C-alpha atoms as a PDB file:
ATOM      1  CA  UNK A   1     -19.279 -28.612  20.998  1.00  0.00           C
ATOM      2  CA  UNK A   2     -21.432 -30.181  23.884  1.00  0.00           C
ATOM      3  CA  UNK A   3     -22.928 -33.757  24.096  1.00  0.00           C
ATOM      4  CA  UNK A   4     -26.259 -33.337  24.166  1.00  0.00           C
ATOM      5  CA  UNK A   5     -28.737 -36.215  24.915  1.00  0.00           C
ATOM      6  CA  UNK A   6     -31.183 -37.556  22.138  1.00  0.00           C
ATOM      7  CA  UNK A   7     -33.954 -35.769  24.365  1.00  0.00           C
ATOM      8  CA  UNK A   8     -32.290 -32.475  24.693  1.00  0.00           C
ATOM      9  CA  UNK A   9     -31.580 -32.774  21.040  1.00  0.00           C
ATOM     10  CA  UNK A  10     -35.146 -33.521  20.030  1.00  0.00           C
ATOM     11  CA  UNK A  11     -36.376 -30.547  22.357  1.00  0.00           C
ATOM     12  CA  UNK A  12     -34.264 -28.224  20.519  1.00  0.00           C
ATOM     13  CA  UNK A  13     -35.660 -29.111  17.025  1.00  0.00           C
ATOM     14  CA  UNK A  14     -39.246 -29.128  18.252  1.00  0.00           C
ATOM     15  CA  UNK A  15     -38.736 -25.422  19.782  1.00  0.00           C
ATOM     16  CA  UNK A  16     -37.194 -24.573  16.074  1.00  0.00           C
ATOM     17  CA  UNK A  17     -40.235 -26.079  14.638  1.00  0.00           C
ATOM     18  CA  UNK A  18     -42.692 -24.117  16.658  1.00  0.00           C
ATOM     19  CA  UNK A  19     -40.673 -21.164  16.239  1.00  0.00           C
ATOM     20  CA  UNK A  20     -40.646 -21.662  12.142  1.00  0.00           C
ATOM     21  CA  UNK A  21     -44.471 -22.520  12.351  1.00  0.00           C
ATOM     22  CA  UNK A  22     -45.048 -18.959  14.203  1.00  0.00           C
ATOM     23  CA  UNK A  23     -43.406 -17.381  11.527  1.00  0.00           C
ATOM     24  CA  UNK A  24     -44.806 -18.988   8.522  1.00  0.00           C
ATOM     25  CA  UNK A  25     -48.292 -18.545  10.150  1.00  0.00           C
ATOM     26  CA  UNK A  26     -47.789 -14.926  10.742  1.00  0.00           C
ATOM     27  CA  UNK A  27     -46.124 -14.481   6.812  1.00  0.00           C
ATOM     28  CA  UNK A  28     -49.539 -16.473   5.649  1.00  0.00           C
ATOM     29  CA  UNK A  29     -51.852 -14.065   7.776  1.00  0.00           C
ATOM     30  CA  UNK A  30     -49.997 -10.708   6.295  1.00  0.00           C
ATOM     31  CA  UNK A  31     -48.729 -12.015   2.798  1.00  0.00           C
ATOM     32  CA  UNK A  32     -51.337 -14.424   1.727  1.00  0.00           C
ATOM     33  CA  UNK A  33     -54.364 -13.306   3.753  1.00  0.00           C
ATOM     34  CA  UNK A  34     -53.626  -9.726   3.177  1.00  0.00           C
ATOM     35  CA  UNK A  35     -53.999  -8.944   7.072  1.00  0.00           C
ATOM     36  CA  UNK A  36     -52.009  -5.528   7.632  1.00  0.00           C
ATOM     37  CA  UNK A  37     -50.300  -6.124  11.067  1.00  0.00           C
ATOM     38  CA  UNK A  38     -50.814  -3.347  13.902  1.00  0.00           C
ATOM     39  CA  UNK A  39     -47.963  -2.180  15.886  1.00  0.00           C
ATOM     40  CA  UNK A  40     -48.230  -4.523  18.690  1.00  0.00           C
ATOM     41  CA  UNK A  41     -48.204  -7.332  15.896  1.00  0.00           C
ATOM     42  CA  UNK A  42     -44.913  -6.238  14.836  1.00  0.00           C
ATOM     43  CA  UNK A  43     -43.407  -6.077  18.219  1.00  0.00           C
ATOM     44  CA  UNK A  44     -44.536  -9.855  18.556  1.00  0.00           C
ATOM     45  CA  UNK A  45     -42.997 -10.540  15.345  1.00  0.00           C
ATOM     46  CA  UNK A  46     -39.418  -8.922  16.361  1.00  0.00           C
ATOM     47  CA  UNK A  47     -39.552 -11.191  19.119  1.00  0.00           C
ATOM     48  CA  UNK A  48     -40.700 -14.310  16.922  1.00  0.00           C
ATOM     49  CA  UNK A  49     -38.534 -14.142  14.016  1.00  0.00           C
ATOM     50  CA  UNK A  50     -35.058 -14.321  15.579  1.00  0.00           C
ATOM     51  CA  UNK A  51     -36.056 -17.518  17.544  1.00  0.00           C
ATOM     52  CA  UNK A  52     -36.004 -19.537  14.076  1.00  0.00           C
ATOM     53  CA  UNK A  53     -32.514 -18.478  13.667  1.00  0.00           C
ATOM     54  CA  UNK A  54     -31.522 -18.764  17.409  1.00  0.00           C
ATOM     55  CA  UNK A  55     -32.770 -22.197  17.746  1.00  0.00           C
ATOM     56  CA  UNK A  56     -31.813 -23.285  14.433  1.00  0.00           C
ATOM     57  CA  UNK A  57     -28.207 -22.613  15.024  1.00  0.00           C
ATOM     58  CA  UNK A  58     -28.216 -24.045  18.502  1.00  0.00           C
ATOM     59  CA  UNK A  59     -29.803 -27.154  17.082  1.00  0.00           C
ATOM     60  CA  UNK A  60     -27.155 -27.405  14.429  1.00  0.00           C
ATOM     61  CA  UNK A  61     -23.966 -26.546  16.269  1.00  0.00           C
ATOM     62  CA  UNK A  62     -25.910 -28.667  19.536  1.00  0.00           C
ATOM     63  CA  UNK A  63     -24.999 -25.850  22.043  1.00  0.00           C
ATOM     64  CA  UNK A  64     -27.984 -24.977  24.331  1.00  0.00           C
ATOM     65  CA  UNK A  65     -25.810 -21.759  25.591  1.00  0.00           C
ATOM     66  CA  UNK A  66     -26.554 -20.113  22.147  1.00  0.00           C
ATOM     67  CA  UNK A  67     -30.302 -20.396  22.906  1.00  0.00           C
ATOM     68  CA  UNK A  68     -30.578 -18.377  25.920  1.00  0.00           C
ATOM     69  CA  UNK A  69     -31.593 -15.163  24.502  1.00  0.00           C
ATOM     70  CA  UNK A  70     -34.624 -17.162  23.133  1.00  0.00           C
ATOM     71  CA  UNK A  71     -35.967 -17.740  26.532  1.00  0.00           C
ATOM     72  CA  UNK A  72     -35.605 -14.237  27.126  1.00  0.00           C
ATOM     73  CA  UNK A  73     -37.447 -13.146  24.168  1.00  0.00           C
ATOM     74  CA  UNK A  74     -40.016 -15.888  24.111  1.00  0.00           C
ATOM     75  CA  UNK A  75     -40.624 -14.698  28.013  1.00  0.00           C
ATOM     76  CA  UNK A  76     -41.360 -10.885  26.591  1.00  0.00           C
ATOM     77  CA  UNK A  77     -43.404 -12.124  23.723  1.00  0.00           C
ATOM     78  CA  UNK A  78     -45.550 -13.825  26.117  1.00  0.00           C
ATOM     79  CA  UNK A  79     -46.544 -10.691  27.992  1.00  0.00           C
ATOM     80  CA  UNK A  80     -46.918  -8.920  24.782  1.00  0.00           C
ATOM     81  CA  UNK A  81     -49.302 -10.940  23.080  1.00  0.00           C
ATOM     82  CA  UNK A  82     -51.377 -11.541  26.319  1.00  0.00           C
ATOM     83  CA  UNK A  83     -51.465  -7.602  26.616  1.00  0.00           C
ATOM     84  CA  UNK A  84     -52.679  -7.707  22.753  1.00  0.00           C
ATOM     85  CA  UNK A  85     -55.222 -10.353  23.326  1.00  0.00           C
ATOM     86  CA  UNK A  86     -56.227  -8.596  26.288  1.00  0.00           C
ATOM     87  CA  UNK A  87     -56.766  -5.334  23.973  1.00  0.00           C
ATOM     88  CA  UNK A  88     -58.939  -7.355  21.545  1.00  0.00           C
ATOM     89  CA  UNK A  89     -61.099  -8.991  23.998  1.00  0.00           C
ATOM     90  CA  UNK A  90     -61.541  -6.794  27.200  1.00  0.00           C
ATOM     91  CA  UNK A  91     -63.958  -4.001  26.786  1.00  0.00           C
ATOM     92  CA  UNK A  92     -61.780  -1.936  29.354  1.00  0.00           C
ATOM     93  CA  UNK A  93     -58.874  -1.953  26.963  1.00  0.00           C
ATOM     94  CA  UNK A  94     -60.280  -1.875  23.575  1.00  0.00           C
ATOM     95  CA  UNK A  95     -60.429   1.803  23.399  1.00  0.00           C
ATOM     96  CA  UNK A  96     -56.437   1.803  24.175  1.00  0.00           C
ATOM     97  CA  UNK A  97     -56.405  -0.291  20.843  1.00  0.00           C
ATOM     98  CA  UNK A  98     -57.619   2.404  18.690  1.00  0.00           C
ATOM     99  CA  UNK A  99     -55.131   4.575  19.258  1.00  0.00           C
ATOM    100  CA  UNK A 100     -52.353   1.871  18.303  1.00  0.00           C
ATOM    101  CA  UNK A 101     -51.285   3.148  14.728  1.00  0.00           C
ATOM    102  CA  UNK A 102     -52.621   3.005  11.009  1.00  0.00           C
ATOM    103  CA  UNK A 103     -54.179  -0.468  11.938  1.00  0.00           C
ATOM    104  CA  UNK A 104     -56.119  -0.675  15.299  1.00  0.00           C
ATOM    105  CA  UNK A 105     -54.766  -3.178  17.674  1.00  0.00           C
ATOM    106  CA  UNK A 106     -57.849  -4.135  18.901  1.00  0.00           C
ATOM    107  CA  UNK A 107     -59.044  -5.099  15.222  1.00  0.00           C
ATOM    108  CA  UNK A 108     -59.544  -8.812  15.142  1.00  0.00           C
ATOM    109  CA  UNK A 109     -59.045 -10.351  11.827  1.00  0.00           C
ATOM    110  CA  UNK A 110     -59.721 -13.794  12.621  1.00  0.00           C
ATOM    111  CA  UNK A 111     -61.882 -14.843  15.673  1.00  0.00           C
ATOM    112  CA  UNK A 112     -61.869 -18.817  15.578  1.00  0.00           C
ATOM    113  CA  UNK A 113     -64.613 -20.455  18.273  1.00  0.00           C
ATOM    114  CA  UNK A 114     -65.074 -16.951  19.639  1.00  0.00           C
ATOM    115  CA  UNK A 115     -61.975 -16.758  21.267  1.00  0.00           C
ATOM    116  CA  UNK A 116     -58.799 -17.940  19.125  1.00  0.00           C
ATOM    117  CA  UNK A 117     -57.315 -14.706  17.658  1.00  0.00           C
ATOM    118  CA  UNK A 118     -53.847 -14.223  16.016  1.00  0.00           C
ATOM    119  CA  UNK A 119     -52.418 -12.639  19.003  1.00  0.00           C
ATOM    120  CA  UNK A 120     -53.872 -15.575  21.087  1.00  0.00           C
ATOM    121  CA  UNK A 121     -52.172 -17.727  18.398  1.00  0.00           C
ATOM    122  CA  UNK A 122     -48.957 -15.928  18.987  1.00  0.00           C
ATOM    123  CA  UNK A 123     -49.131 -16.349  22.699  1.00  0.00           C
ATOM    124  CA  UNK A 124     -49.502 -20.048  22.610  1.00  0.00           C
ATOM    125  CA  UNK A 125     -46.476 -20.222  20.557  1.00  0.00           C
ATOM    126  CA  UNK A 126     -44.180 -18.159  22.806  1.00  0.00           C
ATOM    127  CA  UNK A 127     -45.823 -20.139  25.681  1.00  0.00           C
ATOM    128  CA  UNK A 128     -44.933 -23.363  24.049  1.00  0.00           C
ATOM    129  CA  UNK A 129     -41.202 -22.335  23.359  1.00  0.00           C
ATOM    130  CA  UNK A 130     -40.760 -20.630  27.013  1.00  0.00           C
ATOM    131  CA  UNK A 131     -41.829 -24.083  28.482  1.00  0.00           C
ATOM    132  CA  UNK A 132     -40.021 -26.270  26.365  1.00  0.00           C
ATOM    133  CA  UNK A 133     -36.702 -24.359  26.924  1.00  0.00           C
ATOM    134  CA  UNK A 134     -37.454 -24.716  30.479  1.00  0.00           C
ATOM    135  CA  UNK A 135     -37.751 -28.444  29.958  1.00  0.00           C
ATOM    136  CA  UNK A 136     -34.606 -28.531  27.864  1.00  0.00           C
ATOM    137  CA  UNK A 137     -32.725 -26.687  30.927  1.00  0.00           C
ATOM    138  CA  UNK A 138     -34.102 -29.239  33.275  1.00  0.00           C
ATOM    139  CA  UNK A 139     -32.891 -31.829  30.889  1.00  0.00           C
ATOM    140  CA  UNK A 140     -29.368 -30.753  30.518  1.00  0.00           C
ATOM    141  CA  UNK A 141     -29.129 -30.305  34.088  1.00  0.00           C
ATOM    142  CA  UNK A 142     -30.347 -34.000  34.878  1.00  0.00           C
ATOM    143  CA  UNK A 143     -27.734 -35.364  31.937  1.00  0.00           C
ATOM    144  CA  UNK A 144     -24.925 -33.559  33.756  1.00  0.00           C
END
């Protein structure tokens, strides 16, 4: 086990909490609100759900090296969420969203304040996780 600084431990827990909140939010939208996920939503879930386990195990074992796949998954997730958000918001890409599957990817179940949609929320979660992981790497390098 690696001796992590208190700041590094807190960053790991914060990243885990963000991933858990995103998981809970997606399950709330689908299971409680009854919103059927589109194909791009499923891809974002596939990228987000393992992050809860990855960062949870890394925090429990206090080993940042375990969490490296989380950086990769969150990086990919940022781009998938951005594309999904653009499919919902840009007229030029909205036609592509119709061919997404049973539920069209350009369908916005929620649209708070005219710009906050489910892919927007997922994108913010991926960005927060990615940036916090970069800060975690910086903290580890500075403490050694």
